[in-house]
PDB file of N, CA and C in Angstrom:
ATOM      1  N   UNK A   1     114.772 169.483 140.133  1.00  0.00           N
ATOM      2  CA  UNK A   1     115.449 170.300 139.133  1.00  0.00           C
ATOM      3  C   UNK A   1     116.463 171.203 139.846  1.00  0.00           C
ATOM      4  N   UNK A   2     117.633 171.355 139.311  1.00  0.00           N
ATOM      5  CA  UNK A   2     118.662 172.167 139.977  1.00  0.00           C
ATOM      6  C   UNK A   2     118.499 173.662 139.667  1.00  0.00           C
ATOM      7  N   UNK A   3     117.550 174.281 140.307  1.00  0.00           N
ATOM      8  CA  UNK A   3     117.297 175.708 140.092  1.00  0.00           C
ATOM      9  C   UNK A   3     118.516 176.517 140.525  1.00  0.00           C
ATOM     10  N   UNK A   4     118.926 177.463 139.683  1.00  0.00           N
ATOM     11  CA  UNK A   4     120.061 178.316 139.985  1.00  0.00           C
ATOM     12  C   UNK A   4     119.644 179.720 140.395  1.00  0.00           C
ATOM     13  N   UNK A   5     118.465 180.158 139.943  1.00  0.00           N
ATOM     14  CA  UNK A   5     117.999 181.509 140.245  1.00  0.00           C
ATOM     15  C   UNK A   5     116.528 181.492 140.625  1.00  0.00           C
ATOM     16  N   UNK A   6     116.118 182.585 141.247  1.00  0.00           N
ATOM     17  CA  UNK A   6     114.714 182.773 141.582  1.00  0.00           C
ATOM     18  C   UNK A   6     113.848 182.668 140.334  1.00  0.00           C
ATOM     19  N   UNK A   7     114.288 183.291 139.257  1.00  0.00           N
ATOM     20  CA  UNK A   7     113.523 183.265 138.008  1.00  0.00           C
ATOM     21  C   UNK A   7     113.361 181.843 137.492  1.00  0.00           C
ATOM     22  N   UNK A   8     114.410 181.024 137.577  1.00  0.00           N
ATOM     23  CA  UNK A   8     114.314 179.620 137.157  1.00  0.00           C
ATOM     24  C   UNK A   8     113.165 178.914 137.876  1.00  0.00           C
ATOM     25  N   UNK A   9     113.118 179.086 139.181  1.00  0.00           N
ATOM     26  CA  UNK A   9     112.100 178.396 139.972  1.00  0.00           C
ATOM     27  C   UNK A   9     110.709 178.930 139.677  1.00  0.00           C
ATOM     28  N   UNK A  10     110.546 180.245 139.618  1.00  0.00           N
ATOM     29  CA  UNK A  10     109.219 180.777 139.316  1.00  0.00           C
ATOM     30  C   UNK A  10     108.766 180.380 137.914  1.00  0.00           C
ATOM     31  N   UNK A  11     109.684 180.354 136.956  1.00  0.00           N
ATOM     32  CA  UNK A  11     109.308 179.946 135.599  1.00  0.00           C
ATOM     33  C   UNK A  11     108.877 178.489 135.530  1.00  0.00           C
ATOM     34  N   UNK A  12     109.283 177.681 136.493  1.00  0.00           N
ATOM     35  CA  UNK A  12     108.914 176.262 136.504  1.00  0.00           C
ATOM     36  C   UNK A  12     107.687 175.967 137.375  1.00  0.00           C
ATOM     37  N   UNK A  13     107.193 176.936 138.128  1.00  0.00           N
ATOM     38  CA  UNK A  13     106.071 176.662 139.032  1.00  0.00           C
ATOM     39  C   UNK A  13     104.827 176.164 138.311  1.00  0.00           C
ATOM     40  N   UNK A  14     104.530 176.691 137.143  1.00  0.00           N
ATOM     41  CA  UNK A  14     103.351 176.215 136.424  1.00  0.00           C
ATOM     42  C   UNK A  14     103.502 174.744 136.048  1.00  0.00           C
ATOM     43  N   UNK A  15     104.720 174.296 135.747  1.00  0.00           N
ATOM     44  CA  UNK A  15     104.959 172.877 135.454  1.00  0.00           C
ATOM     45  C   UNK A  15     104.811 172.010 136.700  1.00  0.00           C
ATOM     46  N   UNK A  16     105.161 172.558 137.848  1.00  0.00           N
ATOM     47  CA  UNK A  16     105.061 171.821 139.116  1.00  0.00           C
ATOM     48  C   UNK A  16     103.635 171.783 139.652  1.00  0.00           C
ATOM     49  N   UNK A  17     102.789 172.637 139.146  1.00  0.00           N
ATOM     50  CA  UNK A  17     101.425 172.827 139.651  1.00  0.00           C
ATOM     51  C   UNK A  17     100.630 171.526 139.602  1.00  0.00           C
ATOM     52  N   UNK A  18     100.025 171.186 140.739  1.00  0.00           N
ATOM     53  CA  UNK A  18      99.182 169.998 140.874  1.00  0.00           C
ATOM     54  C   UNK A  18      97.725 170.461 140.920  1.00  0.00           C
ATOM     55  N   UNK A  19      97.071 170.483 139.768  1.00  0.00           N
ATOM     56  CA  UNK A  19      95.716 171.048 139.693  1.00  0.00           C
ATOM     57  C   UNK A  19      94.740 170.317 140.606  1.00  0.00           C
ATOM     58  N   UNK A  20      94.911 169.020 140.787  1.00  0.00           N
ATOM     59  CA  UNK A  20      94.012 168.267 141.658  1.00  0.00           C
ATOM     60  C   UNK A  20      94.057 168.726 143.109  1.00  0.00           C
ATOM     61  N   UNK A  21      95.193 169.252 143.529  1.00  0.00           N
ATOM     62  CA  UNK A  21      95.342 169.742 144.910  1.00  0.00           C
ATOM     63  C   UNK A  21      94.814 171.161 145.055  1.00  0.00           C
ATOM     64  N   UNK A  22      94.386 171.765 143.937  1.00  0.00           N
ATOM     65  CA  UNK A  22      93.950 173.165 143.971  1.00  0.00           C
ATOM     66  C   UNK A  22      92.565 173.359 143.370  1.00  0.00           C
ATOM     67  N   UNK A  23      91.772 172.294 143.321  1.00  0.00           N
ATOM     68  CA  UNK A  23      90.464 172.376 142.675  1.00  0.00           C
ATOM     69  C   UNK A  23      89.541 173.424 143.275  1.00  0.00           C
ATOM     70  N   UNK A  24      89.642 173.632 144.574  1.00  0.00           N
ATOM     71  CA  UNK A  24      88.741 174.595 145.230  1.00  0.00           C
ATOM     72  C   UNK A  24      89.492 175.792 145.802  1.00  0.00           C
ATOM     73  N   UNK A  25      90.736 175.959 145.403  1.00  0.00           N
ATOM     74  CA  UNK A  25      91.564 177.025 145.953  1.00  0.00           C
ATOM     75  C   UNK A  25      91.525 178.261 145.067  1.00  0.00           C
ATOM     76  N   UNK A  26      91.229 179.403 145.673  1.00  0.00           N
ATOM     77  CA  UNK A  26      91.322 180.701 145.013  1.00  0.00           C
ATOM     78  C   UNK A  26      92.203 181.571 145.890  1.00  0.00           C
ATOM     79  N   UNK A  27      93.400 181.903 145.395  1.00  0.00           N
ATOM     80  CA  UNK A  27      94.332 182.679 146.208  1.00  0.00           C
ATOM     81  C   UNK A  27      95.365 183.352 145.326  1.00  0.00           C
ATOM     82  N   UNK A  28      95.834 184.502 145.796  1.00  0.00           N
ATOM     83  CA  UNK A  28      96.945 185.195 145.151  1.00  0.00           C
ATOM     84  C   UNK A  28      98.085 185.253 146.157  1.00  0.00           C
ATOM     85  N   UNK A  29      99.170 184.584 145.804  1.00  0.00           N
ATOM     86  CA  UNK A  29     100.359 184.536 146.646  1.00  0.00           C
ATOM     87  C   UNK A  29     101.332 185.597 146.143  1.00  0.00           C
ATOM     88  N   UNK A  30     101.684 186.520 147.017  1.00  0.00           N
ATOM     89  CA  UNK A  30     102.682 187.546 146.682  1.00  0.00           C
ATOM     90  C   UNK A  30     103.996 187.107 147.301  1.00  0.00           C
ATOM     91  N   UNK A  31     105.009 186.898 146.473  1.00  0.00           N
ATOM     92  CA  UNK A  31     106.334 186.526 146.947  1.00  0.00           C
ATOM     93  C   UNK A  31     107.256 187.731 146.860  1.00  0.00           C
ATOM     94  N   UNK A  32     107.997 187.958 147.930  1.00  0.00           N
ATOM     95  CA  UNK A  32     109.030 188.985 147.957  1.00  0.00           C
ATOM     96  C   UNK A  32     110.329 188.250 148.261  1.00  0.00           C
ATOM     97  N   UNK A  33     111.182 188.134 147.240  1.00  0.00           N
ATOM     98  CA  UNK A  33     112.417 187.367 147.365  1.00  0.00           C
ATOM     99  C   UNK A  33     113.567 188.349 147.603  1.00  0.00           C
ATOM    100  N   UNK A  34     114.281 188.144 148.693  1.00  0.00           N
ATOM    101  CA  UNK A  34     115.366 189.036 149.090  1.00  0.00           C
ATOM    102  C   UNK A  34     116.716 188.320 148.951  1.00  0.00           C
ATOM    103  N   UNK A  35     117.773 189.040 149.244  1.00  0.00           N
ATOM    104  CA  UNK A  35     119.134 188.491 149.267  1.00  0.00           C
ATOM    105  C   UNK A  35     119.517 187.828 147.946  1.00  0.00           C
ATOM    106  N   UNK A  36     119.090 188.441 146.847  1.00  0.00           N
ATOM    107  CA  UNK A  36     119.446 187.931 145.528  1.00  0.00           C
ATOM    108  C   UNK A  36     120.868 188.399 145.219  1.00  0.00           C
ATOM    109  N   UNK A  37     121.704 187.473 144.834  1.00  0.00           N
ATOM    110  CA  UNK A  37     123.116 187.754 144.596  1.00  0.00           C
ATOM    111  C   UNK A  37     123.300 188.907 143.613  1.00  0.00           C
ATOM    112  N   UNK A  38     123.759 190.058 144.118  1.00  0.00           N
ATOM    113  CA  UNK A  38     124.056 191.210 143.288  1.00  0.00           C
ATOM    114  C   UNK A  38     122.859 191.886 142.648  1.00  0.00           C
ATOM    115  N   UNK A  39     121.659 191.627 143.144  1.00  0.00           N
ATOM    116  CA  UNK A  39     120.464 192.178 142.518  1.00  0.00           C
ATOM    117  C   UNK A  39     119.521 192.744 143.574  1.00  0.00           C
ATOM    118  N   UNK A  40     118.554 193.486 143.092  1.00  0.00           N
ATOM    119  CA  UNK A  40     117.509 194.025 143.968  1.00  0.00           C
ATOM    120  C   UNK A  40     116.520 192.908 144.305  1.00  0.00           C
ATOM    121  N   UNK A  41     115.746 193.065 145.377  1.00  0.00           N
ATOM    122  CA  UNK A  41     114.708 192.072 145.669  1.00  0.00           C
ATOM    123  C   UNK A  41     113.759 191.913 144.487  1.00  0.00           C
ATOM    124  N   UNK A  42     113.161 190.752 144.388  1.00  0.00           N
ATOM    125  CA  UNK A  42     112.240 190.451 143.302  1.00  0.00           C
ATOM    126  C   UNK A  42     110.858 190.151 143.868  1.00  0.00           C
ATOM    127  N   UNK A  43     109.829 190.601 143.168  1.00  0.00           N
ATOM    128  CA  UNK A  43     108.449 190.340 143.566  1.00  0.00           C
ATOM    129  C   UNK A  43     107.770 189.521 142.470  1.00  0.00           C
ATOM    130  N   UNK A  44     107.047 188.497 142.894  1.00  0.00           N
ATOM    131  CA  UNK A  44     106.353 187.607 141.972  1.00  0.00           C
ATOM    132  C   UNK A  44     104.941 187.352 142.482  1.00  0.00           C
ATOM    133  N   UNK A  45     104.008 187.189 141.555  1.00  0.00           N
ATOM    134  CA  UNK A  45     102.626 186.835 141.869  1.00  0.00           C
ATOM    135  C   UNK A  45     102.353 185.427 141.375  1.00  0.00           C
ATOM    136  N   UNK A  46     101.747 184.643 142.229  1.00  0.00           N
ATOM    137  CA  UNK A  46     101.297 183.311 141.846  1.00  0.00           C
ATOM    138  C   UNK A  46      99.800 183.283 142.139  1.00  0.00           C
ATOM    139  N   UNK A  47      99.012 183.164 141.074  1.00  0.00           N
ATOM    140  CA  UNK A  47      97.553 183.158 141.211  1.00  0.00           C
ATOM    141  C   UNK A  47      97.045 181.750 140.967  1.00  0.00           C
ATOM    142  N   UNK A  48      96.275 181.265 141.933  1.00  0.00           N
ATOM    143  CA  UNK A  48      95.658 179.952 141.825  1.00  0.00           C
ATOM    144  C   UNK A  48      94.150 180.175 141.840  1.00  0.00           C
ATOM    145  N   UNK A  49      93.492 179.635 140.824  1.00  0.00           N
ATOM    146  CA  UNK A  49      92.055 179.854 140.682  1.00  0.00           C
ATOM    147  C   UNK A  49      91.375 178.554 140.277  1.00  0.00           C
ATOM    148  N   UNK A  50      90.903 177.824 141.281  1.00  0.00           N
ATOM    149  CA  UNK A  50      90.121 176.603 141.053  1.00  0.00           C
ATOM    150  C   UNK A  50      90.751 175.665 140.021  1.00  0.00           C
ATOM    151  N   UNK A  51      91.951 175.207 140.313  1.00  0.00           N
ATOM    152  CA  UNK A  51      92.609 174.232 139.461  1.00  0.00           C
ATOM    153  C   UNK A  51      93.443 174.817 138.333  1.00  0.00           C
ATOM    154  N   UNK A  52      93.568 176.133 138.281  1.00  0.00           N
ATOM    155  CA  UNK A  52      94.403 176.788 137.267  1.00  0.00           C
ATOM    156  C   UNK A  52      95.432 177.649 137.980  1.00  0.00           C
ATOM    157  N   UNK A  53      96.548 177.898 137.295  1.00  0.00           N
ATOM    158  CA  UNK A  53      97.636 178.643 137.911  1.00  0.00           C
ATOM    159  C   UNK A  53      98.282 179.579 136.903  1.00  0.00           C
ATOM    160  N   UNK A  54      98.655 180.765 137.385  1.00  0.00           N
ATOM    161  CA  UNK A  54      99.462 181.672 136.575  1.00  0.00           C
ATOM    162  C   UNK A  54     100.557 182.253 137.459  1.00  0.00           C
ATOM    163  N   UNK A  55     101.707 182.490 136.854  1.00  0.00           N
ATOM    164  CA  UNK A  55     102.870 183.005 137.572  1.00  0.00           C
ATOM    165  C   UNK A  55     103.434 184.156 136.754  1.00  0.00           C
ATOM    166  N   UNK A  56     103.679 185.281 137.422  1.00  0.00           N
ATOM    167  CA  UNK A  56     104.247 186.431 136.717  1.00  0.00           C
ATOM    168  C   UNK A  56     105.005 187.319 137.692  1.00  0.00           C
ATOM    169  N   UNK A  57     106.026 188.009 137.193  1.00  0.00           N
ATOM    170  CA  UNK A  57     106.709 188.960 138.070  1.00  0.00           C
ATOM    171  C   UNK A  57     105.799 190.135 138.362  1.00  0.00           C
ATOM    172  N   UNK A  58     105.961 190.731 139.549  1.00  0.00           N
ATOM    173  CA  UNK A  58     105.193 191.925 139.876  1.00  0.00           C
ATOM    174  C   UNK A  58     104.580 191.885 141.254  1.00  0.00           C
ATOM    175  N   UNK A  59     103.761 192.896 141.503  1.00  0.00           N
ATOM    176  CA  UNK A  59     103.103 193.073 142.799  1.00  0.00           C
ATOM    177  C   UNK A  59     101.616 193.289 142.587  1.00  0.00           C
ATOM    178  N   UNK A  60     100.866 193.030 143.644  1.00  0.00           N
ATOM    179  CA  UNK A  60      99.448 193.342 143.665  1.00  0.00           C
ATOM    180  C   UNK A  60      99.157 194.087 144.960  1.00  0.00           C
ATOM    181  N   UNK A  61      98.124 194.907 144.944  1.00  0.00           N
ATOM    182  CA  UNK A  61      97.749 195.648 146.142  1.00  0.00           C
ATOM    183  C   UNK A  61      96.949 194.803 147.128  1.00  0.00           C
ATOM    184  N   UNK A  62      96.409 193.667 146.656  1.00  0.00           N
ATOM    185  CA  UNK A  62      95.516 192.899 147.507  1.00  0.00           C
ATOM    186  C   UNK A  62      95.808 191.392 147.445  1.00  0.00           C
ATOM    187  N   UNK A  63      97.005 190.968 147.887  1.00  0.00           N
ATOM    188  CA  UNK A  63      97.294 189.529 147.867  1.00  0.00           C
ATOM    189  C   UNK A  63      96.541 188.805 148.980  1.00  0.00           C
ATOM    190  N   UNK A  64      96.310 187.537 148.782  1.00  0.00           N
ATOM    191  CA  UNK A  64      95.715 186.705 149.838  1.00  0.00           C
ATOM    192  C   UNK A  64      96.729 186.479 150.950  1.00  0.00           C
ATOM    193  N   UNK A  65      97.968 186.263 150.559  1.00  0.00           N
ATOM    194  CA  UNK A  65      99.059 186.047 151.506  1.00  0.00           C
ATOM    195  C   UNK A  65     100.344 186.584 150.882  1.00  0.00           C
ATOM    196  N   UNK A  66     101.206 187.154 151.707  1.00  0.00           N
ATOM    197  CA  UNK A  66     102.505 187.646 151.255  1.00  0.00           C
ATOM    198  C   UNK A  66     103.589 186.836 151.955  1.00  0.00           C
ATOM    199  N   UNK A  67     104.538 186.353 151.168  1.00  0.00           N
ATOM    200  CA  UNK A  67     105.634 185.559 151.705  1.00  0.00           C
ATOM    201  C   UNK A  67     106.954 186.240 151.369  1.00  0.00           C
ATOM    202  N   UNK A  68     107.766 186.461 152.381  1.00  0.00           N
ATOM    203  CA  UNK A  68     109.092 187.046 152.199  1.00  0.00           C
ATOM    204  C   UNK A  68     110.116 185.968 152.511  1.00  0.00           C
ATOM    205  N   UNK A  69     110.978 185.708 151.515  1.00  0.00           N
ATOM    206  CA  UNK A  69     111.941 184.602 151.610  1.00  0.00           C
ATOM    207  C   UNK A  69     113.251 185.044 150.963  1.00  0.00           C
ATOM    208  N   UNK A  70     114.364 184.726 151.598  1.00  0.00           N
ATOM    209  CA  UNK A  70     115.671 184.977 150.987  1.00  0.00           C
ATOM    210  C   UNK A  70     115.881 183.988 149.840  1.00  0.00           C
ATOM    211  N   UNK A  71     116.530 184.456 148.782  1.00  0.00           N
ATOM    212  CA  UNK A  71     116.711 183.606 147.601  1.00  0.00           C
ATOM    213  C   UNK A  71     117.355 182.254 147.922  1.00  0.00           C
ATOM    214  N   UNK A  72     118.404 182.183 148.734  1.00  0.00           N
ATOM    215  CA  UNK A  72     118.987 180.861 149.008  1.00  0.00           C
ATOM    216  C   UNK A  72     117.975 179.883 149.619  1.00  0.00           C
ATOM    217  N   UNK A  73     117.118 180.381 150.499  1.00  0.00           N
ATOM    218  CA  UNK A  73     116.103 179.525 151.122  1.00  0.00           C
ATOM    219  C   UNK A  73     115.066 179.116 150.083  1.00  0.00           C
ATOM    220  N   UNK A  74     114.624 180.056 149.245  1.00  0.00           N
ATOM    221  CA  UNK A  74     113.641 179.776 148.197  1.00  0.00           C
ATOM    222  C   UNK A  74     114.157 178.672 147.256  1.00  0.00           C
ATOM    223  N   UNK A  75     115.430 178.761 146.885  1.00  0.00           N
ATOM    224  CA  UNK A  75     115.996 177.750 145.996  1.00  0.00           C
ATOM    225  C   UNK A  75     116.114 176.392 146.695  1.00  0.00           C
ATOM    226  N   UNK A  76     116.461 176.398 147.975  1.00  0.00           N
ATOM    227  CA  UNK A  76     116.513 175.131 148.725  1.00  0.00           C
ATOM    228  C   UNK A  76     115.133 174.492 148.799  1.00  0.00           C
ATOM    229  N   UNK A  77     114.099 175.298 148.987  1.00  0.00           N
ATOM    230  CA  UNK A  77     112.731 174.777 148.995  1.00  0.00           C
ATOM    231  C   UNK A  77     112.405 174.147 147.639  1.00  0.00           C
ATOM    232  N   UNK A  78     112.731 174.851 146.579  1.00  0.00           N
ATOM    233  CA  UNK A  78     112.440 174.363 145.239  1.00  0.00           C
ATOM    234  C   UNK A  78     113.173 173.075 144.892  1.00  0.00           C
ATOM    235  N   UNK A  79     114.382 172.941 145.376  1.00  0.00           N
ATOM    236  CA  UNK A  79     115.193 171.744 145.102  1.00  0.00           C
ATOM    237  C   UNK A  79     114.846 170.585 146.030  1.00  0.00           C
ATOM    238  N   UNK A  80     114.003 170.821 147.031  1.00  0.00           N
ATOM    239  CA  UNK A  80     113.666 169.773 147.984  1.00  0.00           C
ATOM    240  C   UNK A  80     114.721 169.562 149.041  1.00  0.00           C
ATOM    241  N   UNK A  81     115.606 170.536 149.226  1.00  0.00           N
ATOM    242  CA  UNK A  81     116.675 170.432 150.218  1.00  0.00           C
ATOM    243  C   UNK A  81     116.247 170.937 151.592  1.00  0.00           C
ATOM    244  N   UNK A  82     115.117 171.597 151.647  1.00  0.00           N
ATOM    245  CA  UNK A  82     114.635 172.173 152.900  1.00  0.00           C
ATOM    246  C   UNK A  82     113.112 172.038 152.922  1.00  0.00           C
ATOM    247  N   UNK A  83     112.575 171.797 154.102  1.00  0.00           N
ATOM    248  CA  UNK A  83     111.138 171.713 154.270  1.00  0.00           C
ATOM    249  C   UNK A  83     110.539 173.087 154.554  1.00  0.00           C
ATOM    250  N   UNK A  84     109.373 173.332 153.988  1.00  0.00           N
ATOM    251  CA  UNK A  84     108.712 174.630 154.150  1.00  0.00           C
ATOM    252  C   UNK A  84     108.344 174.895 155.611  1.00  0.00           C
ATOM    253  N   UNK A  85     107.861 173.892 156.308  1.00  0.00           N
ATOM    254  CA  UNK A  85     107.449 174.085 157.698  1.00  0.00           C
ATOM    255  C   UNK A  85     108.632 174.459 158.579  1.00  0.00           C
ATOM    256  N   UNK A  86     109.748 173.774 158.415  1.00  0.00           N
ATOM    257  CA  UNK A  86     110.917 174.107 159.242  1.00  0.00           C
ATOM    258  C   UNK A  86     111.445 175.495 158.889  1.00  0.00           C
ATOM    259  N   UNK A  87     111.396 175.870 157.612  1.00  0.00           N
ATOM    260  CA  UNK A  87     111.837 177.210 157.212  1.00  0.00           C
ATOM    261  C   UNK A  87     110.936 178.280 157.829  1.00  0.00           C
ATOM    262  N   UNK A  88     109.638 178.016 157.859  1.00  0.00           N
ATOM    263  CA  UNK A  88     108.692 178.967 158.454  1.00  0.00           C
ATOM    264  C   UNK A  88     108.908 179.059 159.965  1.00  0.00           C
ATOM    265  N   UNK A  89     109.023 177.923 160.610  1.00  0.00           N
ATOM    266  CA  UNK A  89     109.169 177.896 162.071  1.00  0.00           C
ATOM    267  C   UNK A  89     110.482 178.530 162.528  1.00  0.00           C
ATOM    268  N   UNK A  90     111.507 178.488 161.691  1.00  0.00           N
ATOM    269  CA  UNK A  90     112.795 179.079 162.058  1.00  0.00           C
ATOM    270  C   UNK A  90     112.904 180.543 161.620  1.00  0.00           C
ATOM    271  N   UNK A  91     111.816 181.093 161.078  1.00  0.00           N
ATOM    272  CA  UNK A  91     111.801 182.501 160.700  1.00  0.00           C
ATOM    273  C   UNK A  91     112.408 182.798 159.342  1.00  0.00           C
ATOM    274  N   UNK A  92     112.719 181.759 158.563  1.00  0.00           N
ATOM    275  CA  UNK A  92     113.302 181.972 157.239  1.00  0.00           C
ATOM    276  C   UNK A  92     112.244 182.343 156.203  1.00  0.00           C
ATOM    277  N   UNK A  93     110.995 182.079 156.523  1.00  0.00           N
ATOM    278  CA  UNK A  93     109.865 182.518 155.699  1.00  0.00           C
ATOM    279  C   UNK A  93     109.004 183.387 156.594  1.00  0.00           C
ATOM    280  N   UNK A  94     108.739 184.591 156.138  1.00  0.00           N
ATOM    281  CA  UNK A  94     107.844 185.493 156.871  1.00  0.00           C
ATOM    282  C   UNK A  94     106.568 185.612 156.067  1.00  0.00           C
ATOM    283  N   UNK A  95     105.436 185.530 156.746  1.00  0.00           N
ATOM    284  CA  UNK A  95     104.150 185.542 156.053  1.00  0.00           C
ATOM    285  C   UNK A  95     103.243 186.612 156.633  1.00  0.00           C
ATOM    286  N   UNK A  96     102.431 187.193 155.756  1.00  0.00           N
ATOM    287  CA  UNK A  96     101.432 188.166 156.166  1.00  0.00           C
ATOM    288  C   UNK A  96     100.143 187.901 155.419  1.00  0.00           C
ATOM    289  N   UNK A  97      99.056 188.413 155.930  1.00  0.00           N
ATOM    290  CA  UNK A  97      97.757 188.147 155.308  1.00  0.00           C
ATOM    291  C   UNK A  97      97.200 186.835 155.832  1.00  0.00           C
ATOM    292  N   UNK A  98      96.554 186.070 154.981  1.00  0.00           N
ATOM    293  CA  UNK A  98      95.973 184.788 155.360  1.00  0.00           C
ATOM    294  C   UNK A  98      97.084 183.732 155.394  1.00  0.00           C
ATOM    295  N   UNK A  99      97.769 183.672 156.507  1.00  0.00           N
ATOM    296  CA  UNK A  99      98.943 182.811 156.666  1.00  0.00           C
ATOM    297  C   UNK A  99      98.591 181.337 156.461  1.00  0.00           C
ATOM    298  N   UNK A 100      97.364 180.952 156.753  1.00  0.00           N
ATOM    299  CA  UNK A 100      96.967 179.554 156.601  1.00  0.00           C
ATOM    300  C   UNK A 100      97.064 179.098 155.140  1.00  0.00           C
ATOM    301  N   UNK A 101      96.919 180.030 154.204  1.00  0.00           N
ATOM    302  CA  UNK A 101      97.033 179.675 152.788  1.00  0.00           C
ATOM    303  C   UNK A 101      98.441 179.211 152.418  1.00  0.00           C
ATOM    304  N   UNK A 102      99.429 179.662 153.151  1.00  0.00           N
ATOM    305  CA  UNK A 102     100.811 179.268 152.863  1.00  0.00           C
ATOM    306  C   UNK A 102     100.973 177.750 152.955  1.00  0.00           C
ATOM    307  N   UNK A 103     100.155 177.101 153.783  1.00  0.00           N
ATOM    308  CA  UNK A 103     100.208 175.645 153.916  1.00  0.00           C
ATOM    309  C   UNK A 103      99.858 174.936 152.617  1.00  0.00           C
ATOM    310  N   UNK A 104      99.112 175.585 151.765  1.00  0.00           N
ATOM    311  CA  UNK A 104      98.664 174.987 150.508  1.00  0.00           C
ATOM    312  C   UNK A 104      99.794 174.864 149.492  1.00  0.00           C
ATOM    313  N   UNK A 105     100.871 175.636 149.663  1.00  0.00           N
ATOM    314  CA  UNK A 105     101.943 175.634 148.677  1.00  0.00           C
ATOM    315  C   UNK A 105     102.620 174.274 148.546  1.00  0.00           C
ATOM    316  N   UNK A 106     102.723 173.548 149.641  1.00  0.00           N
ATOM    317  CA  UNK A 106     103.360 172.222 149.592  1.00  0.00           C
ATOM    318  C   UNK A 106     102.644 171.285 148.639  1.00  0.00           C
ATOM    319  N   UNK A 107     101.379 170.973 148.904  1.00  0.00           N
ATOM    320  CA  UNK A 107     100.691 170.033 148.012  1.00  0.00           C
ATOM    321  C   UNK A 107     100.440 170.586 146.608  1.00  0.00           C
ATOM    322  N   UNK A 108     100.231 171.878 146.491  1.00  0.00           N
ATOM    323  CA  UNK A 108      99.900 172.468 145.191  1.00  0.00           C
ATOM    324  C   UNK A 108     101.117 172.542 144.267  1.00  0.00           C
ATOM    325  N   UNK A 109     102.312 172.772 144.826  1.00  0.00           N
ATOM    326  CA  UNK A 109     103.502 172.911 143.997  1.00  0.00           C
ATOM    327  C   UNK A 109     104.580 171.872 144.306  1.00  0.00           C
ATOM    328  N   UNK A 110     104.269 170.896 145.124  1.00  0.00           N
ATOM    329  CA  UNK A 110     105.212 169.813 145.384  1.00  0.00           C
ATOM    330  C   UNK A 110     106.402 170.190 146.243  1.00  0.00           C
ATOM    331  N   UNK A 111     106.211 171.172 147.130  1.00  0.00           N
ATOM    332  CA  UNK A 111     107.273 171.526 148.065  1.00  0.00           C
ATOM    333  C   UNK A 111     107.224 170.585 149.253  1.00  0.00           C
ATOM    334  N   UNK A 112     108.393 170.234 149.752  1.00  0.00           N
ATOM    335  CA  UNK A 112     108.490 169.394 150.930  1.00  0.00           C
ATOM    336  C   UNK A 112     107.989 170.170 152.144  1.00  0.00           C
ATOM    337  N   UNK A 113     107.139 169.570 152.931  1.00  0.00           N
ATOM    338  CA  UNK A 113     106.661 170.237 154.136  1.00  0.00           C
ATOM    339  C   UNK A 113     107.586 169.899 155.262  1.00  0.00           C
TER     340      UNK A 113
END
């Protein structure tokens, strides 16, 4: 899908969700999206709970993992133009908390690794 904005991609994450890949996963992913064209950074929560998913704007005090990504990189990931692993290894994705959970995003939401 040709996502144009951060909101477009987050609004589509529930449709991309692969429940079979998340049957035993319980995690709250806090996204901090920076470098948004003419806008302030955006924060989004993605909660995965044993095969179910919810996505909403906002912050939590106790995320399982926090990911900081510039909007252009986030959109490239969503469009399949960039692999998550290469973005992480090159410092384009910064992670805090349980960093190993970030690996789950590929199979759970269909991101290219």
